[in-house]
Amino acid sequence: MRIDDYVAELSGALAGPQGPKRDLVVEARDSLTDTADALEAEGLDRAEAERVAVAEFGPVAEIAPGYQAELTASSGRRLGVLLFVSVPLTVVMWSMLWRAYPPSGETWANVPAWFGPVSRLLDLVQLGTGLYGGLALFALSRGARWIGHPRLVTRSLGVLVWTSLPVTAGLSLLLSYGTEAPNTLATLPGTLANLVTSAVWGLQIYAATRCVTITKASRH
């Protein structure tokens, strides 16, 4: 098998972020090319040198799982960073807005009894999501030597997003209906904050879907 054919087969067997995937495939091609060059320098013709280099490198079926594990961990690290950074920033953004545009006294006077517990539950969900993202990031990077199944960590991040975002959206919607009087939040900053939040949620859903899809592929 020629190097180009082998690399194409390897690339087709891998699923993951395009950047890291491309780097791994290029690394494999460079290694094969170096070996073939050395064999050619020893007297083999180019076609035979490439065939021997490919044979020594190993079948795609044996090489691909190791590469796929790295791509799976890379996807998990990206989502972990996104959660660890974006969730606290979103919470801080809304907290600053509520401080800048505090609800009126009439608003607080009309909140139902469940408003406080639901608000605290929302804070806990968001805090837990960001914290788990940070822990998963550590587990898939510096803690990788102790993690026997990075695929499960990456998959858990995707499932967490799919679970926590509907809960977060539902609790936020419930809180918005828990006040009968209007608050003092101006239209422009409120609109911008909602756009930022929606964009962050969209990125989280995209990354989570990719993580779940990749972990399904790497299981086979």
Foldseek 3Di string as FASTA:
>chain_A
DALVVQLVVLLVLAAADPVLSVVVSVVLSVQLVVQLVVVVVVPDDNVVSSVVSVVVVHHSVVVNLVSLQLRLLVLLLVLLVLLLPVLVVLVVLVVVLCVVFPFDPLQVVQFDPCLVVLVVVLVVLSVVLNVLSPVLNCCSPVVVVVDPCNLVSLLVNLVSLVPSVVSNVVSVVVNVVRTDDDTRRDDVSVVVSVVSVVVSSVVSNVSSVSSNVSSVSSVD
